[in-house]
Each structure stands twice: as structure tokens, then as C-alpha cells.
Amino acid sequence: MRSVCVFCGSNPGRRPEYLAGAADLGRSLAGRGLRVVYGGAHVGTMGALANAVLAAGGEIVGVIPGLLVDAEVAHLGLSELRVTGSMHERKATMAALADGFIALPGGLGTLEEFAEIVTWAQLGLHAKPTGLLNLLGYYDGLLSFLDHATQERFVRPDHREQILARQSAAELLAAMEAWTAPPRAPAKWIDADGSDIVPGRAPGRNAPGAEPPGPIAGHTPLPRDQAR
């Protein structure tokens, strides 16, 4: 990894350990010579992360939509600040700039960003490590949900294993640096019995050798390499 995207909260949280943990992550990233990409604000855990990276002499790139610049929450002392036209463009830019992704404790925005980047990995759109910095057990409930979703066969076990979680920045970064992308699953989807649901086969026709349905009228499939 040469660049890590960190999803942060715009609020500081109730306990001081959240801001301290964000700052520790910033120092750890800078100490490893990793460029940091984040949401570009000076408030909440975003500000704590950015200020720690800068104080440690690291490089940090903020990516922020114009509407939040207008709200005067942009951090103006960063190595680089990129202003986007929308939230969607912001997320796509952050993803393109990063070789790995970390979520600090945060609210719905942080959860949405992390869930989307993990979903992209499931779909084969990237093969980059994803991790939760589980300060004070903040993400214990989410991890339990993911385990339950896996047991109930809404999430593939190999997809669940792609989500790393550690309680300290040092442990999480070590796990991410040691991570290797697993072989791509034969399909994202699984049936009630845990077997693969292969695209192009109708429900109930997933047995080996089953004939796929005919093409969809008016639709020209992409070549497989372009579909990814």
C-alpha cells in the first residue's frame, strides 16, 4: 500500500478516546510513509486525523464536495484539497486515490462509505484491503451483524473475511499490509443451501449442467473483462 483512504466522522464522539484514536491512526500512517486520503474537513475525527498527519510531516489529501466548502468545514491547511461537484464524485475520487480503506468510528455517512467500498470489492471492482478501526469495541455490533448475515447466507463467508477489524492502528495496518486478495469467488450470490447462484441461470436452475436462459431482448452483454 502507498495510499490509504480513511472514512471518518464529522463529529468527535462522546469519549475522548475516539479523537485520540484518530490522531494515533494519522501518526501511524504518516510514520509508515503512507499518503492519507480523507473527506477534507477540519471538524470531528476528520480534523483530528488530518492535524495528526500534518504534525507528523505526512501527506494528506482532502476530497470534499463544494457544498461542504460553502458550509466552511473544509480544512485549508492540507497537502492538497480537491473540491468535487457532488458526494458521488467525492467517493469515486477517494476510491481511485487509495490502495486500502479504513473506517474510524463514525455515523451514518461513515457506515455508508465503508459499506459501499466493501460492496465494490464483492463485485470485483477492486481488490484492496478494507478495515475497521474498532476503538473501544465501537464496531462490535456491526461485526456481530455481519457474522449473523453470513450465517443466514446473505453474505458469502469469503466476503465476510475481507473485512478486517482491529482495536489499534498498528494492529490494523499490519493486518492490511499482510492481506492478499483472495481468488475471485465464482459468483457473488449464494442460494439458501449455500451453493453458488451463477449469473445467467434462473432460480432453481443452478445445478451443474443446467441450461442458461436465453438472452434478454434489446440487451447486448459486455465482454467479461469490461463488465468488471
Protein backbone atom coordinates (compact mmCIF):
# COMPACT_ATOMS: atom_id res chain seq x y z
CA MET A 1 0.00 0.00 0.00
CA ARG A 2 1.14 3.52 -0.79
CA SER A 3 -2.08 5.41 -0.08
CA VAL A 4 -4.87 4.77 2.42
CA CYS A 5 -8.36 6.27 2.42
CA VAL A 6 -9.81 6.87 5.89
CA PHE A 7 -13.56 7.27 6.38
CA CYS A 8 -14.11 9.50 9.41
CA GLY A 9 -16.86 11.18 11.37
CA SER A 10 -17.69 14.88 11.27
CA ASN A 11 -18.46 14.64 15.00
CA PRO A 12 -15.91 13.92 17.74
CA GLY A 13 -17.97 11.27 19.55
CA ARG A 14 -18.81 11.09 23.24
CA ARG A 15 -15.49 9.75 24.51
CA PRO A 16 -12.05 11.38 24.12
CA GLU A 17 -10.58 8.05 23.01
CA TYR A 18 -12.21 8.50 19.60
CA LEU A 19 -10.29 11.68 18.80
CA ALA A 20 -7.14 10.18 20.33
CA GLY A 21 -7.55 7.07 18.18
CA ALA A 22 -7.99 9.15 15.03
CA ALA A 23 -4.83 11.08 15.84
CA ASP A 24 -2.93 7.86 16.54
CA LEU A 25 -4.01 6.48 13.17
CA GLY A 26 -2.83 9.67 11.47
CA ARG A 27 0.59 9.45 13.11
CA SER A 28 0.85 5.75 12.28
CA LEU A 29 0.05 6.33 8.61
CA ALA A 30 2.50 9.22 8.34
CA GLY A 31 5.17 7.19 10.14
CA ARG A 32 4.85 4.45 7.53
CA GLY A 33 5.16 6.95 4.69
CA LEU A 34 1.61 6.30 3.52
CA ARG A 35 -0.35 9.07 1.85
CA VAL A 36 -3.69 9.67 3.53
CA VAL A 37 -6.91 10.38 1.64
CA TYR A 38 -9.97 11.53 3.58
CA GLY A 39 -13.10 13.68 3.42
CA GLY A 40 -11.36 17.06 3.61
CA ALA A 41 -13.00 18.61 6.70
CA HIS A 42 -11.47 20.15 9.82
CA VAL A 43 -14.22 19.00 12.20
CA GLY A 44 -14.71 15.83 14.25
CA THR A 45 -12.44 12.83 13.87
CA MET A 46 -11.66 14.10 10.36
CA GLY A 47 -9.88 17.11 11.82
CA ALA A 48 -8.05 15.03 14.43
CA LEU A 49 -6.77 12.66 11.75
CA ALA A 50 -5.66 15.45 9.40
CA ASN A 51 -3.92 17.51 12.06
CA ALA A 52 -2.01 14.47 13.32
CA VAL A 53 -0.82 13.56 9.81
CA LEU A 54 0.35 17.12 9.18
CA ALA A 55 2.08 17.40 12.57
CA ALA A 56 3.97 14.19 11.80
CA GLY A 57 5.14 15.52 8.44
CA GLY A 58 2.91 13.25 6.38
CA GLU A 59 0.97 13.84 3.17
CA ILE A 60 -2.81 14.14 3.32
CA VAL A 61 -5.27 14.78 0.50
CA GLY A 62 -8.75 16.00 1.29
CA VAL A 63 -11.66 15.37 -1.06
CA ILE A 64 -14.74 17.44 -0.33
CA PRO A 65 -17.87 18.48 -2.24
CA GLY A 66 -18.40 22.17 -2.90
CA LEU A 67 -21.49 22.29 -0.72
CA LEU A 68 -19.36 21.50 2.34
CA VAL A 69 -16.73 24.07 1.34
CA ASP A 70 -19.56 26.59 1.29
CA ALA A 71 -20.52 25.45 4.81
CA GLU A 72 -16.97 26.42 5.92
CA VAL A 73 -15.92 22.99 7.18
CA ALA A 74 -13.08 22.43 4.68
CA HIS A 75 -9.57 22.02 6.13
CA LEU A 76 -7.45 24.70 4.44
CA GLY A 77 -4.05 23.51 5.65
CA LEU A 78 -3.83 20.16 3.85
CA SER A 79 -1.17 18.93 1.44
CA GLU A 80 -3.90 19.05 -1.22
CA LEU A 81 -7.62 19.80 -1.22
CA ARG A 82 -9.77 18.56 -4.09
CA VAL A 83 -13.25 20.02 -4.45
CA THR A 84 -15.84 17.88 -6.21
CA GLY A 85 -19.23 18.66 -7.69
CA SER A 86 -21.14 16.00 -5.75
CA MET A 87 -20.97 13.41 -3.00
CA HIS A 88 -20.85 10.65 -5.61
CA GLU A 89 -17.82 12.24 -7.30
CA ARG A 90 -16.18 12.64 -3.91
CA LYS A 91 -16.45 8.93 -3.10
CA ALA A 92 -15.27 7.86 -6.55
CA THR A 93 -12.25 10.18 -6.31
CA MET A 94 -11.30 8.91 -2.86
CA ALA A 95 -11.56 5.32 -4.04
CA ALA A 96 -9.39 5.97 -7.09
CA LEU A 97 -6.66 7.61 -4.99
CA ALA A 98 -6.39 4.80 -2.41
CA ASP A 99 -4.79 1.36 -2.15
CA GLY A 100 -6.69 0.47 1.03
CA PHE A 101 -9.58 1.68 3.15
CA ILE A 102 -10.09 2.20 6.90
CA ALA A 103 -13.22 3.28 8.76
CA LEU A 104 -12.83 5.10 12.05
CA PRO A 105 -15.82 5.23 14.41
CA GLY A 106 -18.41 7.47 12.86
CA GLY A 107 -22.06 7.86 11.98
CA LEU A 108 -24.28 7.00 9.04
CA GLY A 109 -22.04 8.67 6.47
CA THR A 110 -19.02 6.67 7.60
CA LEU A 111 -21.04 3.45 7.59
CA GLU A 112 -22.41 4.17 4.10
CA GLU A 113 -18.94 4.89 2.69
CA PHE A 114 -17.44 1.75 4.16
CA ALA A 115 -20.37 -0.45 3.12
CA GLU A 116 -20.14 0.82 -0.45
CA ILE A 117 -16.40 0.18 -0.77
CA VAL A 118 -16.82 -3.35 0.62
CA THR A 119 -19.67 -3.95 -1.84
CA TRP A 120 -17.41 -2.85 -4.69
CA ALA A 121 -14.88 -5.46 -3.55
CA GLN A 122 -17.59 -8.14 -3.54
CA LEU A 123 -18.48 -7.23 -7.12
CA GLY A 124 -14.84 -7.47 -8.20
CA LEU A 125 -14.48 -3.74 -8.88
CA HIS A 126 -11.34 -3.57 -6.74
CA ALA A 127 -9.05 -5.88 -4.77
CA LYS A 128 -7.88 -3.60 -1.96
CA PRO A 129 -7.85 -4.28 1.81
CA THR A 130 -10.70 -2.89 3.92
CA GLY A 131 -10.55 -2.50 7.69
CA LEU A 132 -12.47 -1.22 10.69
CA LEU A 133 -10.56 0.52 13.48
CA ASN A 134 -12.63 -0.90 16.31
CA LEU A 135 -11.82 1.62 19.05
CA LEU A 136 -13.48 0.79 22.38
CA GLY A 137 -15.34 -2.02 20.64
CA TYR A 138 -17.33 0.57 18.67
CA TYR A 139 -17.92 -1.80 15.76
CA ASP A 140 -18.67 -4.93 17.81
CA GLY A 141 -22.37 -4.67 16.95
CA LEU A 142 -21.66 -4.29 13.23
CA LEU A 143 -19.28 -7.25 13.27
CA SER A 144 -21.92 -9.36 15.02
CA PHE A 145 -24.45 -8.33 12.37
CA LEU A 146 -22.04 -9.35 9.60
CA ASP A 147 -21.44 -12.71 11.27
CA HIS A 148 -25.22 -13.21 11.54
CA ALA A 149 -25.72 -12.20 7.90
CA THR A 150 -23.08 -14.75 6.92
CA GLN A 151 -24.74 -17.49 8.99
CA GLU A 152 -28.08 -16.66 7.36
CA ARG A 153 -26.42 -16.82 3.92
CA PHE A 154 -26.93 -13.24 2.87
CA VAL A 155 -23.13 -12.73 2.84
CA ARG A 156 -20.58 -15.17 1.47
CA PRO A 157 -18.01 -16.36 4.07
CA ASP A 158 -15.13 -15.28 1.83
CA HIS A 159 -16.65 -11.81 1.53
CA ARG A 160 -17.05 -11.58 5.30
CA GLU A 161 -13.37 -12.46 5.73
CA GLN A 162 -12.36 -9.50 3.57
CA ILE A 163 -13.44 -7.10 6.34
CA LEU A 164 -10.54 -6.77 8.77
CA ALA A 165 -11.07 -5.36 12.27
CA ARG A 166 -8.53 -4.49 14.96
CA GLN A 167 -8.56 -2.34 18.10
CA SER A 168 -5.38 -0.36 17.40
CA ALA A 169 -3.97 1.43 14.38
CA ALA A 170 -0.72 -0.56 14.49
CA GLU A 171 -2.55 -3.91 14.51
CA LEU A 172 -4.93 -2.91 11.74
CA LEU A 173 -2.22 -1.55 9.44
CA ALA A 174 -0.13 -4.68 9.97
CA ALA A 175 -3.12 -6.85 9.05
CA MET A 176 -3.84 -4.77 5.95
CA GLU A 177 -0.23 -4.85 4.79
CA ALA A 178 -0.17 -8.65 5.18
CA TRP A 179 -3.52 -9.10 3.42
CA THR A 180 -3.64 -10.66 -0.02
CA ALA A 181 -6.66 -10.59 -2.29
CA PRO A 182 -8.46 -13.95 -2.33
CA PRO A 183 -9.26 -15.69 -5.60
CA ARG A 184 -12.40 -14.20 -7.06
CA ALA A 185 -15.49 -16.14 -5.99
CA PRO A 186 -17.32 -17.95 -8.79
CA ALA A 187 -20.35 -15.80 -8.00
CA LYS A 188 -21.36 -13.06 -5.56
CA TRP A 189 -24.67 -14.75 -4.87
CA ILE A 190 -25.45 -17.84 -2.78
CA ASP A 191 -28.59 -19.93 -2.53
CA ALA A 192 -30.36 -20.96 0.68
CA ASP A 193 -28.28 -24.13 0.84
CA GLY A 194 -25.02 -22.21 0.45
CA SER A 195 -24.42 -23.18 -3.18
CA ASP A 196 -23.40 -20.62 -5.78
CA ILE A 197 -26.05 -18.82 -7.80
CA VAL A 198 -24.42 -18.44 -11.19
CA PRO A 199 -25.44 -15.37 -13.23
CA GLY A 200 -27.39 -16.33 -16.32
CA ARG A 201 -29.23 -19.19 -14.65
CA ALA A 202 -32.77 -18.74 -13.43
CA PRO A 203 -33.62 -19.51 -9.77
CA GLY A 204 -33.88 -23.23 -9.25
CA ARG A 205 -31.63 -23.92 -12.25
CA ASN A 206 -28.27 -23.67 -10.52
CA ALA A 207 -27.33 -27.32 -10.72
CA PRO A 208 -24.22 -28.05 -12.80
CA GLY A 209 -25.18 -28.62 -16.41
CA ALA A 210 -28.43 -26.64 -16.23
CA GLU A 211 -29.17 -24.71 -19.39
CA PRO A 212 -29.00 -20.90 -19.01
CA PRO A 213 -31.99 -18.83 -20.13
CA GLY A 214 -31.91 -17.08 -23.48
CA PRO A 215 -30.58 -13.51 -23.93
CA ILE A 216 -32.59 -10.52 -22.75
CA ALA A 217 -34.24 -8.76 -25.66
CA GLY A 218 -32.57 -5.46 -26.53
CA HIS A 219 -29.55 -6.08 -24.26
CA THR A 220 -26.01 -6.65 -25.53
CA PRO A 221 -23.83 -8.14 -22.74
CA LEU A 222 -20.45 -6.55 -22.11
CA PRO A 223 -17.35 -8.70 -22.64
CA ARG A 224 -16.40 -10.20 -19.28
CA ASP A 225 -13.28 -8.06 -18.88
CA GLN A 226 -15.31 -4.86 -19.45
CA ALA A 227 -18.10 -5.97 -17.12
CA ARG A 228 -15.61 -5.85 -14.27
